[in-house]
Amino acid sequence: ILISFFGLKLVRVLTTIVGFVLGAGIGLIISNVLGWSGITVAIVTLGCAVVLAALSFFLYRMGVFLMVFVTVFGAATTIICAGNNITNMMLIIFVAVALVVAILSAIFVEPLVIVVTAICGAVNASLAIVAATGLEGNLLIMIGIAVAISIVGMIIQFMMHSRKIGKREKKQAAIIKEQDSVESEVEKARLVLDDFEEDDETDE
């Protein structure tokens, strides 16, 4: 629910977590392919996790891309394949959809982060709610809860985002106004100096 309602606010934390997990997975794959074992696996896994987490945190768009890809893929498999077997064709479709949304999110960051986090957070929340109430077998109830939470989450996040944009525009307007005021004062001072010079020339 927190992710659904405050996903954009938590985006740095989410991208870092996703980067850490993906980095650890990459480290394990590398270790497995190269046949490493023991402490070497732990060092490589931790190193890859820390590096990718740091890159996801500091390279904002890259982190958003990875986070959106993972969350969209996870949400798609959770909703569509609930109670069904996942086929290779389904996996290919989910990867393609997640990739397209992730690319778009790296371009249109804030709106898509709001939509994706609202939906994916709502899906996870609905899974927890139906599990706690013993309604796991009812897919319609799960989807209904997810839709309701995601709509509320989007409304809250877009409202907070619009306020942030409004504050940013006010600051920019104040800076521009101050610059115009300074330029106006400089122009007035220049005119006064020009008047003095003209008076001196007249006296001569």
C-alpha atoms as a PDB file:
ATOM      1  CA  ILE A   1       0.000   0.000   0.000  1.00  0.00           C
ATOM      2  CA  LEU A   2       2.866   2.384   0.763  1.00  0.00           C
ATOM      3  CA  ILE A   3       4.362   1.669  -2.657  1.00  0.00           C
ATOM      4  CA  SER A   4       0.974   2.222  -4.297  1.00  0.00           C
ATOM      5  CA  PHE A   5       0.365   5.517  -2.481  1.00  0.00           C
ATOM      6  CA  PHE A   6       3.931   6.910  -2.321  1.00  0.00           C
ATOM      7  CA  GLY A   7       5.788   5.134  -5.132  1.00  0.00           C
ATOM      8  CA  LEU A   8       7.257   8.299  -6.633  1.00  0.00           C
ATOM      9  CA  LYS A   9       8.463   9.466  -3.224  1.00  0.00           C
ATOM     10  CA  LEU A  10      10.090   6.066  -2.593  1.00  0.00           C
ATOM     11  CA  VAL A  11      11.504   5.631  -6.088  1.00  0.00           C
ATOM     12  CA  ARG A  12      15.145   6.032  -5.014  1.00  0.00           C
ATOM     13  CA  VAL A  13      14.737   3.366  -2.351  1.00  0.00           C
ATOM     14  CA  LEU A  14      12.910   1.032  -4.745  1.00  0.00           C
ATOM     15  CA  THR A  15      15.464   1.407  -7.524  1.00  0.00           C
ATOM     16  CA  THR A  16      18.308   0.728  -5.081  1.00  0.00           C
ATOM     17  CA  ILE A  17      16.618  -2.411  -3.748  1.00  0.00           C
ATOM     18  CA  VAL A  18      15.898  -3.711  -7.249  1.00  0.00           C
ATOM     19  CA  GLY A  19      19.463  -2.956  -8.323  1.00  0.00           C
ATOM     20  CA  PHE A  20      20.854  -4.797  -5.294  1.00  0.00           C
ATOM     21  CA  VAL A  21      18.712  -7.886  -5.920  1.00  0.00           C
ATOM     22  CA  LEU A  22      19.446  -7.968  -9.650  1.00  0.00           C
ATOM     23  CA  GLY A  23      23.149  -7.440  -8.997  1.00  0.00           C
ATOM     24  CA  ALA A  24      23.162 -10.349  -6.556  1.00  0.00           C
ATOM     25  CA  GLY A  25      21.438 -12.514  -9.160  1.00  0.00           C
ATOM     26  CA  ILE A  26      24.001 -11.551 -11.776  1.00  0.00           C
ATOM     27  CA  GLY A  27      26.813 -12.353  -9.346  1.00  0.00           C
ATOM     28  CA  LEU A  28      25.356 -15.802  -8.665  1.00  0.00           C
ATOM     29  CA  ILE A  29      24.981 -16.499 -12.391  1.00  0.00           C
ATOM     30  CA  ILE A  30      28.576 -15.446 -13.075  1.00  0.00           C
ATOM     31  CA  SER A  31      29.842 -17.602 -10.217  1.00  0.00           C
ATOM     32  CA  ASN A  32      27.823 -20.575 -11.427  1.00  0.00           C
ATOM     33  CA  VAL A  33      28.988 -20.228 -15.037  1.00  0.00           C
ATOM     34  CA  LEU A  34      32.635 -19.921 -14.021  1.00  0.00           C
ATOM     35  CA  GLY A  35      32.376 -22.748 -11.479  1.00  0.00           C
ATOM     36  CA  TRP A  36      33.357 -20.687  -8.465  1.00  0.00           C
ATOM     37  CA  SER A  37      32.436 -21.751  -4.949  1.00  0.00           C
ATOM     38  CA  GLY A  38      32.778 -20.836  -1.288  1.00  0.00           C
ATOM     39  CA  ILE A  39      33.879 -17.357  -0.273  1.00  0.00           C
ATOM     40  CA  THR A  40      34.489 -16.355  -3.896  1.00  0.00           C
ATOM     41  CA  VAL A  41      30.782 -16.700  -4.656  1.00  0.00           C
ATOM     42  CA  ALA A  42      29.886 -14.534  -1.672  1.00  0.00           C
ATOM     43  CA  ILE A  43      32.388 -11.817  -2.636  1.00  0.00           C
ATOM     44  CA  VAL A  44      31.354 -11.740  -6.291  1.00  0.00           C
ATOM     45  CA  THR A  45      27.645 -11.780  -5.432  1.00  0.00           C
ATOM     46  CA  LEU A  46      27.955  -8.996  -2.873  1.00  0.00           C
ATOM     47  CA  GLY A  47      30.205  -6.953  -5.150  1.00  0.00           C
ATOM     48  CA  CYS A  48      27.815  -7.147  -8.108  1.00  0.00           C
ATOM     49  CA  ALA A  49      24.882  -6.346  -5.823  1.00  0.00           C
ATOM     50  CA  VAL A  50      26.541  -3.249  -4.359  1.00  0.00           C
ATOM     51  CA  VAL A  51      27.746  -1.983  -7.744  1.00  0.00           C
ATOM     52  CA  LEU A  52      24.359  -2.332  -9.457  1.00  0.00           C
ATOM     53  CA  ALA A  53      22.567  -0.865  -6.423  1.00  0.00           C
ATOM     54  CA  ALA A  54      24.874   2.181  -6.521  1.00  0.00           C
ATOM     55  CA  LEU A  55      24.393   2.593 -10.279  1.00  0.00           C
ATOM     56  CA  SER A  56      20.614   2.312  -9.879  1.00  0.00           C
ATOM     57  CA  PHE A  57      20.679   4.984  -7.178  1.00  0.00           C
ATOM     58  CA  PHE A  58      22.927   7.520  -8.904  1.00  0.00           C
ATOM     59  CA  LEU A  59      21.869   6.864 -12.520  1.00  0.00           C
ATOM     60  CA  TYR A  60      18.238   7.786 -12.007  1.00  0.00           C
ATOM     61  CA  ARG A  61      16.805   6.762 -15.372  1.00  0.00           C
ATOM     62  CA  MET A  62      18.693   3.492 -15.393  1.00  0.00           C
ATOM     63  CA  GLY A  63      17.356   2.664 -11.942  1.00  0.00           C
ATOM     64  CA  VAL A  64      13.813   3.538 -13.005  1.00  0.00           C
ATOM     65  CA  PHE A  65      14.189   1.336 -16.101  1.00  0.00           C
ATOM     66  CA  LEU A  66      15.263  -1.690 -14.047  1.00  0.00           C
ATOM     67  CA  MET A  67      12.635  -1.131 -11.360  1.00  0.00           C
ATOM     68  CA  VAL A  68       9.774  -0.746 -13.833  1.00  0.00           C
ATOM     69  CA  PHE A  69      10.883  -3.773 -15.829  1.00  0.00           C
ATOM     70  CA  VAL A  70      10.988  -6.001 -12.756  1.00  0.00           C
ATOM     71  CA  THR A  71       7.737  -4.714 -11.240  1.00  0.00           C
ATOM     72  CA  VAL A  72       5.739  -4.887 -14.492  1.00  0.00           C
ATOM     73  CA  PHE A  73       6.990  -8.387 -15.235  1.00  0.00           C
ATOM     74  CA  GLY A  74       6.193  -9.506 -11.696  1.00  0.00           C
ATOM     75  CA  ALA A  75       2.733  -7.940 -11.692  1.00  0.00           C
ATOM     76  CA  ALA A  76       1.880  -9.465 -15.081  1.00  0.00           C
ATOM     77  CA  THR A  77       2.867 -12.969 -14.032  1.00  0.00           C
ATOM     78  CA  THR A  78       1.027 -12.579 -10.728  1.00  0.00           C
ATOM     79  CA  ILE A  79      -2.277 -11.371 -12.184  1.00  0.00           C
ATOM     80  CA  ILE A  80      -2.539 -13.265 -15.461  1.00  0.00           C
ATOM     81  CA  CYS A  81      -0.984 -16.517 -14.368  1.00  0.00           C
ATOM     82  CA  ALA A  82      -2.635 -16.800 -10.952  1.00  0.00           C
ATOM     83  CA  GLY A  83      -3.564 -20.437 -10.633  1.00  0.00           C
ATOM     84  CA  ASN A  84      -2.376 -21.236 -14.183  1.00  0.00           C
ATOM     85  CA  ASN A  85       0.814 -22.687 -15.579  1.00  0.00           C
ATOM     86  CA  ILE A  86       3.164 -20.192 -17.197  1.00  0.00           C
ATOM     87  CA  THR A  87       4.138 -21.113 -20.746  1.00  0.00           C
ATOM     88  CA  ASN A  88       7.200 -19.963 -22.651  1.00  0.00           C
ATOM     89  CA  MET A  89       5.008 -17.838 -24.925  1.00  0.00           C
ATOM     90  CA  MET A  90       3.536 -16.084 -21.884  1.00  0.00           C
ATOM     91  CA  LEU A  91       7.012 -15.361 -20.557  1.00  0.00           C
ATOM     92  CA  ILE A  92       8.074 -13.879 -23.896  1.00  0.00           C
ATOM     93  CA  ILE A  93       4.961 -11.667 -23.973  1.00  0.00           C
ATOM     94  CA  PHE A  94       5.487 -10.530 -20.375  1.00  0.00           C
ATOM     95  CA  VAL A  95       9.148  -9.703 -21.031  1.00  0.00           C
ATOM     96  CA  ALA A  96       8.226  -7.734 -24.173  1.00  0.00           C
ATOM     97  CA  VAL A  97       5.502  -5.763 -22.375  1.00  0.00           C
ATOM     98  CA  ALA A  98       7.751  -5.069 -19.380  1.00  0.00           C
ATOM     99  CA  LEU A  99      10.559  -3.959 -21.692  1.00  0.00           C
ATOM    100  CA  VAL A 100       8.331  -1.532 -23.607  1.00  0.00           C
ATOM    101  CA  VAL A 101       6.931  -0.009 -20.409  1.00  0.00           C
ATOM    102  CA  ALA A 102      10.440   0.230 -18.906  1.00  0.00           C
ATOM    103  CA  ILE A 103      11.760   2.061 -21.973  1.00  0.00           C
ATOM    104  CA  LEU A 104       8.841   4.487 -21.885  1.00  0.00           C
ATOM    105  CA  SER A 105       9.368   5.019 -18.153  1.00  0.00           C
ATOM    106  CA  ALA A 106      12.985   6.006 -18.771  1.00  0.00           C
ATOM    107  CA  ILE A 107      11.677   8.717 -21.132  1.00  0.00           C
ATOM    108  CA  PHE A 108       8.525   9.835 -19.296  1.00  0.00           C
ATOM    109  CA  VAL A 109       9.815   9.140 -15.810  1.00  0.00           C
ATOM    110  CA  GLU A 110       7.443  10.637 -13.292  1.00  0.00           C
ATOM    111  CA  PRO A 111       4.009   9.869 -14.843  1.00  0.00           C
ATOM    112  CA  LEU A 112       4.874   6.242 -15.604  1.00  0.00           C
ATOM    113  CA  VAL A 113       6.557   5.687 -12.239  1.00  0.00           C
ATOM    114  CA  ILE A 114       3.320   6.841 -10.602  1.00  0.00           C
ATOM    115  CA  VAL A 115       1.175   4.520 -12.719  1.00  0.00           C
ATOM    116  CA  VAL A 116       3.464   1.492 -12.397  1.00  0.00           C
ATOM    117  CA  THR A 117       4.050   1.787  -8.654  1.00  0.00           C
ATOM    118  CA  ALA A 118       0.346   2.412  -8.008  1.00  0.00           C
ATOM    119  CA  ILE A 119      -0.658  -0.716  -9.943  1.00  0.00           C
ATOM    120  CA  CYS A 120       2.128  -3.030  -8.784  1.00  0.00           C
ATOM    121  CA  GLY A 121       1.827  -1.943  -5.175  1.00  0.00           C
ATOM    122  CA  ALA A 122      -1.928  -2.526  -5.387  1.00  0.00           C
ATOM    123  CA  VAL A 123      -1.399  -6.028  -6.803  1.00  0.00           C
ATOM    124  CA  ASN A 124       0.903  -6.999  -3.941  1.00  0.00           C
ATOM    125  CA  ALA A 125      -1.455  -5.445  -1.411  1.00  0.00           C
ATOM    126  CA  SER A 126      -4.446  -7.312  -2.844  1.00  0.00           C
ATOM    127  CA  LEU A 127      -2.543 -10.597  -2.669  1.00  0.00           C
ATOM    128  CA  ALA A 128      -1.821  -9.979   1.004  1.00  0.00           C
ATOM    129  CA  ILE A 129      -5.419  -8.978   1.723  1.00  0.00           C
ATOM    130  CA  VAL A 130      -7.026 -12.018   0.058  1.00  0.00           C
ATOM    131  CA  ALA A 131      -4.486 -14.293   1.748  1.00  0.00           C
ATOM    132  CA  ALA A 132      -5.281 -12.791   5.151  1.00  0.00           C
ATOM    133  CA  THR A 133      -9.034 -13.122   4.594  1.00  0.00           C
ATOM    134  CA  GLY A 134      -8.925 -16.622   3.096  1.00  0.00           C
ATOM    135  CA  LEU A 135     -10.117 -15.542  -0.369  1.00  0.00           C
ATOM    136  CA  GLU A 136      -7.119 -16.690  -2.405  1.00  0.00           C
ATOM    137  CA  GLY A 137      -9.212 -18.664  -4.861  1.00  0.00           C
ATOM    138  CA  ASN A 138     -11.403 -15.741  -5.900  1.00  0.00           C
ATOM    139  CA  LEU A 139      -9.577 -13.972  -8.737  1.00  0.00           C
ATOM    140  CA  LEU A 140     -12.317 -11.357  -9.242  1.00  0.00           C
ATOM    141  CA  ILE A 141     -12.105 -10.167  -5.644  1.00  0.00           C
ATOM    142  CA  MET A 142      -8.322  -9.946  -5.881  1.00  0.00           C
ATOM    143  CA  ILE A 143      -8.513  -7.920  -9.087  1.00  0.00           C
ATOM    144  CA  GLY A 144     -11.259  -5.688  -7.646  1.00  0.00           C
ATOM    145  CA  ILE A 145      -9.174  -4.883  -4.568  1.00  0.00           C
ATOM    146  CA  ALA A 146      -6.108  -4.223  -6.727  1.00  0.00           C
ATOM    147  CA  VAL A 147      -8.059  -1.874  -9.018  1.00  0.00           C
ATOM    148  CA  ALA A 148      -9.515   0.077  -6.094  1.00  0.00           C
ATOM    149  CA  ILE A 149      -6.148   0.496  -4.373  1.00  0.00           C
ATOM    150  CA  SER A 150      -4.367   1.420  -7.611  1.00  0.00           C
ATOM    151  CA  ILE A 151      -6.933   4.114  -8.454  1.00  0.00           C
ATOM    152  CA  VAL A 152      -6.609   5.675  -5.003  1.00  0.00           C
ATOM    153  CA  GLY A 153      -2.825   5.389  -5.238  1.00  0.00           C
ATOM    154  CA  MET A 154      -2.705   7.154  -8.600  1.00  0.00           C
ATOM    155  CA  ILE A 155      -4.956   9.955  -7.359  1.00  0.00           C
ATOM    156  CA  ILE A 156      -2.808  10.517  -4.267  1.00  0.00           C
ATOM    157  CA  GLN A 157       0.484  10.391  -6.167  1.00  0.00           C
ATOM    158  CA  PHE A 158      -0.649  12.684  -8.985  1.00  0.00           C
ATOM    159  CA  MET A 159      -2.002  15.182  -6.442  1.00  0.00           C
ATOM    160  CA  MET A 160       1.306  15.235  -4.573  1.00  0.00           C
ATOM    161  CA  HIS A 161       3.208  15.491  -7.848  1.00  0.00           C
ATOM    162  CA  SER A 162       1.078  18.416  -9.056  1.00  0.00           C
ATOM    163  CA  ARG A 163       1.743  20.249  -5.789  1.00  0.00           C
ATOM    164  CA  LYS A 164       5.462  19.646  -6.230  1.00  0.00           C
ATOM    165  CA  ILE A 165       5.318  21.043  -9.770  1.00  0.00           C
ATOM    166  CA  GLY A 166       3.356  24.058  -8.494  1.00  0.00           C
ATOM    167  CA  LYS A 167       5.983  24.812  -5.847  1.00  0.00           C
ATOM    168  CA  ARG A 168       8.748  24.411  -8.421  1.00  0.00           C
ATOM    169  CA  GLU A 169       7.035  26.837 -10.805  1.00  0.00           C
ATOM    170  CA  LYS A 170       6.566  29.374  -8.013  1.00  0.00           C
ATOM    171  CA  LYS A 171      10.284  29.217  -7.196  1.00  0.00           C
ATOM    172  CA  GLN A 172      11.202  29.652 -10.859  1.00  0.00           C
ATOM    173  CA  ALA A 173       8.782  32.572 -11.163  1.00  0.00           C
ATOM    174  CA  ALA A 174      10.315  34.207  -8.082  1.00  0.00           C
ATOM    175  CA  ILE A 175      13.839  33.767  -9.493  1.00  0.00           C
ATOM    176  CA  ILE A 176      12.809  35.259 -12.841  1.00  0.00           C
ATOM    177  CA  LYS A 177      11.079  38.150 -11.090  1.00  0.00           C
ATOM    178  CA  GLU A 178      14.181  38.835  -9.020  1.00  0.00           C
ATOM    179  CA  GLN A 179      16.383  38.755 -12.124  1.00  0.00           C
ATOM    180  CA  ASP A 180      14.034  41.159 -13.904  1.00  0.00           C
ATOM    181  CA  SER A 181      14.109  43.439 -10.869  1.00  0.00           C
ATOM    182  CA  VAL A 182      17.916  43.457 -10.814  1.00  0.00           C
ATOM    183  CA  GLU A 183      18.069  44.136 -14.547  1.00  0.00           C
ATOM    184  CA  SER A 184      15.573  46.962 -14.098  1.00  0.00           C
ATOM    185  CA  GLU A 185      17.661  48.544 -11.336  1.00  0.00           C
ATOM    186  CA  VAL A 186      20.812  48.214 -13.456  1.00  0.00           C
ATOM    187  CA  GLU A 187      19.036  49.865 -16.376  1.00  0.00           C
ATOM    188  CA  LYS A 188      17.843  52.719 -14.139  1.00  0.00           C
ATOM    189  CA  ALA A 189      21.364  53.239 -12.825  1.00  0.00           C
ATOM    190  CA  ARG A 190      22.723  53.271 -16.386  1.00  0.00           C
ATOM    191  CA  LEU A 191      20.161  55.912 -17.409  1.00  0.00           C
ATOM    192  CA  VAL A 192      21.110  58.054 -14.410  1.00  0.00           C
ATOM    193  CA  LEU A 193      24.788  57.851 -15.386  1.00  0.00           C
ATOM    194  CA  ASP A 194      23.922  58.749 -18.959  1.00  0.00           C
ATOM    195  CA  ASP A 195      22.021  61.814 -17.674  1.00  0.00           C
ATOM    196  CA  PHE A 196      25.036  62.901 -15.600  1.00  0.00           C
ATOM    197  CA  GLU A 197      27.342  62.544 -18.612  1.00  0.00           C
ATOM    198  CA  GLU A 198      24.986  64.598 -20.763  1.00  0.00           C
ATOM    199  CA  ASP A 199      24.848  67.318 -18.091  1.00  0.00           C
ATOM    200  CA  ASP A 200      28.657  67.430 -17.900  1.00  0.00           C
ATOM    201  CA  GLU A 201      28.930  67.783 -21.651  1.00  0.00           C
ATOM    202  CA  THR A 202      26.358  70.599 -21.596  1.00  0.00           C
ATOM    203  CA  ASP A 203      28.253  72.466 -18.870  1.00  0.00           C
ATOM    204  CA  GLU A 204      31.462  72.287 -20.898  1.00  0.00           C
END
